[in-house]
C-alpha atoms as a PDB file:
ATOM      1  CA  MET A   1    -162.274 -72.732 -90.409  1.00  0.00           C
ATOM      2  CA  GLN A   2    -160.400 -72.804 -93.383  1.00  0.00           C
ATOM      3  CA  ILE A   3    -156.132 -72.788 -93.442  1.00  0.00           C
ATOM      4  CA  THR A   4    -156.847 -69.867 -96.512  1.00  0.00           C
ATOM      5  CA  GLN A   5    -159.365 -67.655 -93.666  1.00  0.00           C
ATOM      6  CA  LEU A   6    -156.482 -68.486 -90.885  1.00  0.00           C
ATOM      7  CA  LEU A   7    -153.983 -67.106 -92.876  1.00  0.00           C
ATOM      8  CA  SER A   8    -155.597 -64.028 -93.689  1.00  0.00           C
ATOM      9  CA  GLU A   9    -156.820 -63.257 -90.006  1.00  0.00           C
ATOM     10  CA  ILE A  10    -152.877 -63.786 -89.319  1.00  0.00           C
ATOM     11  CA  ARG A  11    -152.197 -60.965 -92.429  1.00  0.00           C
ATOM     12  CA  GLY A  12    -154.145 -58.501 -90.514  1.00  0.00           C
ATOM     13  CA  GLY A  13    -151.930 -59.147 -86.883  1.00  0.00           C
ATOM     14  CA  SER A  14    -154.213 -62.152 -85.200  1.00  0.00           C
ATOM     15  CA  GLN A  15    -152.478 -64.330 -82.956  1.00  0.00           C
ATOM     16  CA  GLN A  16    -155.553 -65.844 -81.931  1.00  0.00           C
ATOM     17  CA  GLY A  17    -155.558 -67.110 -85.998  1.00  0.00           C
ATOM     18  CA  ALA A  18    -151.829 -68.193 -85.393  1.00  0.00           C
ATOM     19  CA  GLU A  19    -152.899 -70.260 -82.460  1.00  0.00           C
ATOM     20  CA  GLN A  20    -155.965 -71.915 -84.641  1.00  0.00           C
ATOM     21  CA  LEU A  21    -153.630 -72.152 -87.861  1.00  0.00           C
ATOM     22  CA  LEU A  22    -151.140 -74.437 -85.923  1.00  0.00           C
ATOM     23  CA  SER A  23    -153.673 -76.676 -84.243  1.00  0.00           C
ATOM     24  CA  LEU A  24    -155.310 -77.037 -87.619  1.00  0.00           C
ATOM     25  CA  VAL A  25    -152.210 -78.014 -89.913  1.00  0.00           C
ATOM     26  CA  TYR A  26    -150.258 -79.403 -86.568  1.00  0.00           C
ATOM     27  CA  THR A  27    -150.793 -82.765 -87.080  1.00  0.00           C
ATOM     28  CA  GLU A  28    -150.568 -82.945 -90.928  1.00  0.00           C
ATOM     29  CA  LEU A  29    -147.125 -81.662 -90.476  1.00  0.00           C
ATOM     30  CA  LYS A  30    -146.112 -83.930 -88.361  1.00  0.00           C
ATOM     31  CA  ARG A  31    -147.493 -86.928 -90.284  1.00  0.00           C
ATOM     32  CA  ILE A  32    -145.645 -85.129 -93.246  1.00  0.00           C
ATOM     33  CA  ALA A  33    -142.278 -84.752 -91.302  1.00  0.00           C
ATOM     34  CA  ALA A  34    -142.972 -88.620 -89.755  1.00  0.00           C
ATOM     35  CA  GLN A  35    -143.173 -90.423 -93.092  1.00  0.00           C
ATOM     36  CA  LYS A  36    -140.676 -88.076 -94.691  1.00  0.00           C
ATOM     37  CA  MET A  37    -138.176 -88.948 -91.444  1.00  0.00           C
ATOM     38  CA  ALA A  38    -139.568 -93.093 -91.029  1.00  0.00           C
ATOM     39  CA  GLY A  39    -136.582 -94.837 -92.187  1.00  0.00           C
ATOM     40  CA  GLU A  40    -133.580 -92.955 -90.593  1.00  0.00           C
ATOM     41  CA  ALA A  41    -130.925 -95.196 -88.964  1.00  0.00           C
ATOM     42  CA  PRO A  42    -131.547 -94.986 -84.685  1.00  0.00           C
ATOM     43  CA  GLY A  43    -129.465 -92.410 -82.309  1.00  0.00           C
ATOM     44  CA  HIS A  44    -130.126 -89.764 -85.649  1.00  0.00           C
ATOM     45  CA  THR A  45    -130.989 -86.158 -83.331  1.00  0.00           C
ATOM     46  CA  LEU A  46    -133.724 -84.888 -85.527  1.00  0.00           C
ATOM     47  CA  GLN A  47    -136.919 -86.204 -84.895  1.00  0.00           C
ATOM     48  CA  PRO A  48    -140.331 -85.555 -86.653  1.00  0.00           C
ATOM     49  CA  THR A  49    -141.557 -83.108 -84.065  1.00  0.00           C
ATOM     50  CA  ALA A  50    -138.473 -81.531 -83.407  1.00  0.00           C
ATOM     51  CA  LEU A  51    -138.937 -80.777 -87.432  1.00  0.00           C
ATOM     52  CA  VAL A  52    -142.254 -79.487 -87.547  1.00  0.00           C
ATOM     53  CA  HIS A  53    -141.659 -77.200 -84.217  1.00  0.00           C
ATOM     54  CA  GLU A  54    -138.235 -75.994 -85.933  1.00  0.00           C
ATOM     55  CA  ALA A  55    -140.123 -75.450 -89.655  1.00  0.00           C
ATOM     56  CA  TRP A  56    -143.350 -74.105 -87.263  1.00  0.00           C
ATOM     57  CA  LEU A  57    -140.992 -71.548 -85.797  1.00  0.00           C
ATOM     58  CA  ARG A  58    -139.172 -70.618 -89.006  1.00  0.00           C
ATOM     59  CA  LEU A  59    -142.689 -69.778 -90.930  1.00  0.00           C
ATOM     60  CA  MET A  60    -144.103 -67.910 -87.718  1.00  0.00           C
ATOM     61  CA  GLY A  61    -141.489 -66.964 -85.510  1.00  0.00           C
ATOM     62  CA  ASP A  62    -140.876 -63.364 -86.316  1.00  0.00           C
ATOM     63  CA  GLY A  63    -144.289 -62.879 -86.601  1.00  0.00           C
ATOM     64  CA  ASP A  64    -144.126 -61.265 -89.619  1.00  0.00           C
ATOM     65  CA  ALA A  65    -145.502 -64.399 -91.666  1.00  0.00           C
ATOM     66  CA  SER A  66    -147.666 -63.513 -94.845  1.00  0.00           C
ATOM     67  CA  PHE A  67    -149.253 -66.378 -96.536  1.00  0.00           C
ATOM     68  CA  GLU A  68    -151.570 -66.062 -99.509  1.00  0.00           C
ATOM     69  CA  ASN A  69    -153.606 -69.345 -98.792  1.00  0.00           C
ATOM     70  CA  ARG A  70    -152.653 -73.323 -98.086  1.00  0.00           C
ATOM     71  CA  ALA A  71    -150.679 -74.006-101.119  1.00  0.00           C
ATOM     72  CA  HIS A  72    -148.225 -71.129-100.456  1.00  0.00           C
ATOM     73  CA  PHE A  73    -148.162 -72.086 -96.574  1.00  0.00           C
ATOM     74  CA  PHE A  74    -147.199 -75.610 -97.218  1.00  0.00           C
ATOM     75  CA  SER A  75    -145.161 -74.942-100.203  1.00  0.00           C
ATOM     76  CA  ALA A  76    -142.901 -71.970 -96.947  1.00  0.00           C
ATOM     77  CA  ALA A  77    -143.288 -75.135 -94.833  1.00  0.00           C
ATOM     78  CA  ALA A  78    -141.496 -77.636 -97.510  1.00  0.00           C
ATOM     79  CA  GLU A  79    -138.444 -75.105 -97.868  1.00  0.00           C
ATOM     80  CA  ALA A  80    -138.181 -74.604 -94.095  1.00  0.00           C
ATOM     81  CA  MET A  81    -138.369 -78.427 -93.576  1.00  0.00           C
ATOM     82  CA  ARG A  82    -136.071 -78.960 -96.332  1.00  0.00           C
ATOM     83  CA  ARG A  83    -133.656 -76.361 -95.259  1.00  0.00           C
ATOM     84  CA  ILE A  84    -133.588 -77.890 -91.853  1.00  0.00           C
ATOM     85  CA  LEU A  85    -132.808 -81.231 -93.108  1.00  0.00           C
ATOM     86  CA  VAL A  86    -130.271 -80.014 -94.988  1.00  0.00           C
ATOM     87  CA  ASP A  87    -128.368 -78.039 -92.109  1.00  0.00           C
ATOM     88  CA  SER A  88    -128.604 -81.242 -90.449  1.00  0.00           C
ATOM     89  CA  ALA A  89    -126.612 -82.974 -93.021  1.00  0.00           C
ATOM     90  CA  ARG A  90    -124.041 -80.294 -93.519  1.00  0.00           C
ATOM     91  CA  ARG A  91    -123.489 -80.830 -89.396  1.00  0.00           C
ATOM     92  CA  LYS A  92    -123.436 -84.433 -89.745  1.00  0.00           C
ATOM     93  CA  ARG A  93    -120.773 -84.157 -92.589  1.00  0.00           C
ATOM     94  CA  ALA A  94    -118.200 -81.904 -90.822  1.00  0.00           C
ATOM     95  CA  ILE A  95    -118.180 -83.898 -88.075  1.00  0.00           C
ATOM     96  CA  ARG A  96    -118.057 -81.247 -85.416  1.00  0.00           C
ATOM     97  CA  ARG A  97    -119.874 -80.995 -82.412  1.00  0.00           C
ATOM     98  CA  GLY A  98    -118.022 -83.456 -80.144  1.00  0.00           C
ATOM     99  CA  GLY A  99    -116.590 -85.469 -83.407  1.00  0.00           C
ATOM    100  CA  GLY A 100    -117.102 -89.259 -82.830  1.00  0.00           C
ATOM    101  CA  ALA A 101    -119.090 -89.496 -79.280  1.00  0.00           C
ATOM    102  CA  THR A 102    -121.947 -90.550 -79.336  1.00  0.00           C
ATOM    103  CA  ARG A 103    -125.076 -88.668 -78.490  1.00  0.00           C
ATOM    104  CA  GLU A 104    -128.130 -89.645 -76.540  1.00  0.00           C
ATOM    105  CA  GLU A 105    -131.709 -88.179 -77.693  1.00  0.00           C
ATOM    106  CA  LEU A 106    -135.104 -88.538 -76.065  1.00  0.00           C
ATOM    107  CA  GLU A 107    -136.507 -91.374 -78.740  1.00  0.00           C
ATOM    108  CA  GLU A 108    -140.347 -90.532 -80.415  1.00  0.00           C
ATOM    109  CA  ASP A 109    -142.171 -93.336 -81.399  1.00  0.00           C
ATOM    110  CA  HIS A 110    -141.311 -92.645 -85.326  1.00  0.00           C
ATOM    111  CA  LEU A 111    -137.199 -93.080 -86.473  1.00  0.00           C
ATOM    112  CA  VAL A 112    -135.821 -90.231 -88.542  1.00  0.00           C
ATOM    113  CA  GLN A 113    -135.156 -90.665 -92.366  1.00  0.00           C
ATOM    114  CA  ASN A 114    -132.523 -93.230 -93.034  1.00  0.00           C
ATOM    115  CA  VAL A 115    -130.827 -91.047 -96.107  1.00  0.00           C
ATOM    116  CA  VAL A 116    -127.307 -89.985 -96.180  1.00  0.00           C
ATOM    117  CA  PRO A 117    -126.177 -86.620 -95.475  1.00  0.00           C
ATOM    118  CA  ASP A 118    -124.048 -86.417 -98.957  1.00  0.00           C
ATOM    119  CA  GLU A 119    -127.563 -87.374-100.538  1.00  0.00           C
ATOM    120  CA  VAL A 120    -129.311 -84.634 -98.859  1.00  0.00           C
ATOM    121  CA  LEU A 121    -126.669 -82.249 -99.501  1.00  0.00           C
ATOM    122  CA  ALA A 122    -126.618 -83.521-103.573  1.00  0.00           C
ATOM    123  CA  VAL A 123    -129.955 -83.189-104.023  1.00  0.00           C
ATOM    124  CA  ASP A 124    -130.083 -79.690-102.474  1.00  0.00           C
ATOM    125  CA  GLU A 125    -127.571 -78.069-104.844  1.00  0.00           C
ATOM    126  CA  ALA A 126    -128.938 -79.631-107.726  1.00  0.00           C
ATOM    127  CA  LEU A 127    -132.633 -78.423-106.442  1.00  0.00           C
ATOM    128  CA  ASP A 128    -131.572 -74.798-106.591  1.00  0.00           C
ATOM    129  CA  LEU A 129    -130.460 -75.158-110.111  1.00  0.00           C
ATOM    130  CA  LEU A 130    -133.581 -76.893-111.093  1.00  0.00           C
ATOM    131  CA  ASP A 131    -135.335 -73.802-109.132  1.00  0.00           C
ATOM    132  CA  LYS A 132    -133.670 -71.722-112.035  1.00  0.00           C
ATOM    133  CA  VAL A 133    -134.589 -73.574-114.599  1.00  0.00           C
ATOM    134  CA  ASP A 134    -138.493 -75.376-113.515  1.00  0.00           C
ATOM    135  CA  PRO A 135    -139.164 -73.895-110.563  1.00  0.00           C
ATOM    136  CA  VAL A 136    -142.312 -75.863-110.535  1.00  0.00           C
ATOM    137  CA  GLY A 137    -140.446 -78.757-110.932  1.00  0.00           C
ATOM    138  CA  ALA A 138    -138.275 -77.755-108.199  1.00  0.00           C
ATOM    139  CA  ARG A 139    -141.455 -77.100-106.179  1.00  0.00           C
ATOM    140  CA  LEU A 140    -143.034 -80.288-106.646  1.00  0.00           C
ATOM    141  CA  VAL A 141    -139.741 -82.172-105.718  1.00  0.00           C
ATOM    142  CA  LYS A 142    -139.424 -80.261-102.470  1.00  0.00           C
ATOM    143  CA  LEU A 143    -142.937 -81.169-101.321  1.00  0.00           C
ATOM    144  CA  ARG A 144    -142.369 -84.537-102.642  1.00  0.00           C
ATOM    145  CA  TYR A 145    -139.051 -85.341-101.294  1.00  0.00           C
ATOM    146  CA  PHE A 146    -138.626 -83.002 -98.295  1.00  0.00           C
ATOM    147  CA  VAL A 147    -141.935 -82.831 -97.222  1.00  0.00           C
ATOM    148  CA  GLY A 148    -142.744 -86.890 -97.872  1.00  0.00           C
ATOM    149  CA  MET A 149    -146.141 -85.239 -99.843  1.00  0.00           C
ATOM    150  CA  THR A 150    -147.865 -87.933-102.023  1.00  0.00           C
ATOM    151  CA  MET A 151    -148.400 -87.158-106.120  1.00  0.00           C
ATOM    152  CA  GLU A 152    -151.837 -86.415-105.016  1.00  0.00           C
ATOM    153  CA  GLU A 153    -151.238 -84.399-101.960  1.00  0.00           C
ATOM    154  CA  SER A 154    -148.766 -82.372-103.997  1.00  0.00           C
ATOM    155  CA  ALA A 155    -150.421 -82.086-107.226  1.00  0.00           C
ATOM    156  CA  THR A 156    -153.733 -80.349-104.962  1.00  0.00           C
ATOM    157  CA  THR A 157    -150.878 -78.105-102.771  1.00  0.00           C
ATOM    158  CA  MET A 158    -149.763 -76.674-105.897  1.00  0.00           C
ATOM    159  CA  GLY A 159    -153.590 -76.582-107.798  1.00  0.00           C
ATOM    160  CA  MET A 160    -152.258 -78.809-110.596  1.00  0.00           C
ATOM    161  CA  SER A 161    -153.765 -81.481-112.151  1.00  0.00           C
ATOM    162  CA  LEU A 162    -152.445 -85.278-111.210  1.00  0.00           C
ATOM    163  CA  ARG A 163    -151.333 -85.888-114.855  1.00  0.00           C
ATOM    164  CA  ASN A 164    -149.569 -82.558-115.341  1.00  0.00           C
ATOM    165  CA  ALA A 165    -147.650 -82.995-111.388  1.00  0.00           C
ATOM    166  CA  GLU A 166    -146.625 -86.655-112.725  1.00  0.00           C
ATOM    167  CA  ARG A 167    -144.920 -85.515-115.744  1.00  0.00           C
ATOM    168  CA  THR A 168    -143.408 -82.896-114.336  1.00  0.00           C
ATOM    169  CA  TRP A 169    -141.941 -84.881-111.569  1.00  0.00           C
ATOM    170  CA  THR A 170    -140.779 -87.455-114.539  1.00  0.00           C
ATOM    171  CA  TYR A 171    -139.262 -84.545-115.738  1.00  0.00           C
ATOM    172  CA  ALA A 172    -137.773 -82.692-112.480  1.00  0.00           C
ATOM    173  CA  ARG A 173    -136.570 -86.434-111.350  1.00  0.00           C
ATOM    174  CA  ALA A 174    -134.584 -87.598-114.515  1.00  0.00           C
ATOM    175  CA  TRP A 175    -133.525 -83.657-114.377  1.00  0.00           C
ATOM    176  CA  LEU A 176    -131.614 -83.917-111.006  1.00  0.00           C
ATOM    177  CA  ARG A 177    -129.971 -87.484-111.601  1.00  0.00           C
ATOM    178  CA  ARG A 178    -128.570 -85.797-114.518  1.00  0.00           C
ATOM    179  CA  GLN A 179    -126.913 -83.099-112.637  1.00  0.00           C
ATOM    180  CA  ILE A 180    -126.334 -85.102-109.167  1.00  0.00           C
ATOM    181  CA  GLY A 181    -124.654 -87.123-111.699  1.00  0.00           C
ATOM    182  CA  ARG A 182    -122.480 -84.841-113.317  1.00  0.00           C
ATOM    183  CA  GLN A 183    -121.933 -83.462-109.470  1.00  0.00           C
ATOM    184  CA  ARG A 184    -120.522 -86.478-108.372  1.00  0.00           C
ATOM    185  CA  SER A 185    -118.278 -87.146-111.667  1.00  0.00           C
ATOM    186  CA  ARG A 186    -116.454 -83.910-110.718  1.00  0.00           C
ATOM    187  CA  PRO A 187    -113.488 -83.731-108.077  1.00  0.00           C
ATOM    188  CA  GLU A 188    -114.681 -82.206-104.976  1.00  0.00           C
ATOM    189  CA  GLN A 189    -113.241 -78.819-104.651  1.00  0.00           C
ATOM    190  CA  LYS A 190    -111.795 -78.070-100.796  1.00  0.00           C
END
């Protein structure tokens, strides 16, 4: 059964449609999460399975999910994963919840991403600004950076030609680099 058809059933209130959708997209979402989180240092508390489950709960949890098609669903999943990773980075940077105490979590086969929390936060801030200037570019960055999709997967999800997606990606990356450079050159406000 196609994702778009299941999304239509879910809009109609079908609980069975939501369960079928989960089984259809779960492997893909977990692959994307594992890919995105593949290089994280040991001891990180967020695992790919947890990222997928948390994203699913954010997407479908209130039972009021309404997605138009596959592209809309995966874009929403990208945004949910982005928010989860940003929230995790903020918690790390704040050094609360036990301060310097070490946490032990059950490990999965895949370790999570090796990205400094400050980098995730800098990208998130710049991405919010890019979204105002170039929403298509911001959406593409979310799919590539926060979900870990390839250029081909991102182009397909967004309904763009590969060449157009590559041009958009080149522009968005350059724009973000400039913006992040400006953010880093400003003194931190406390």
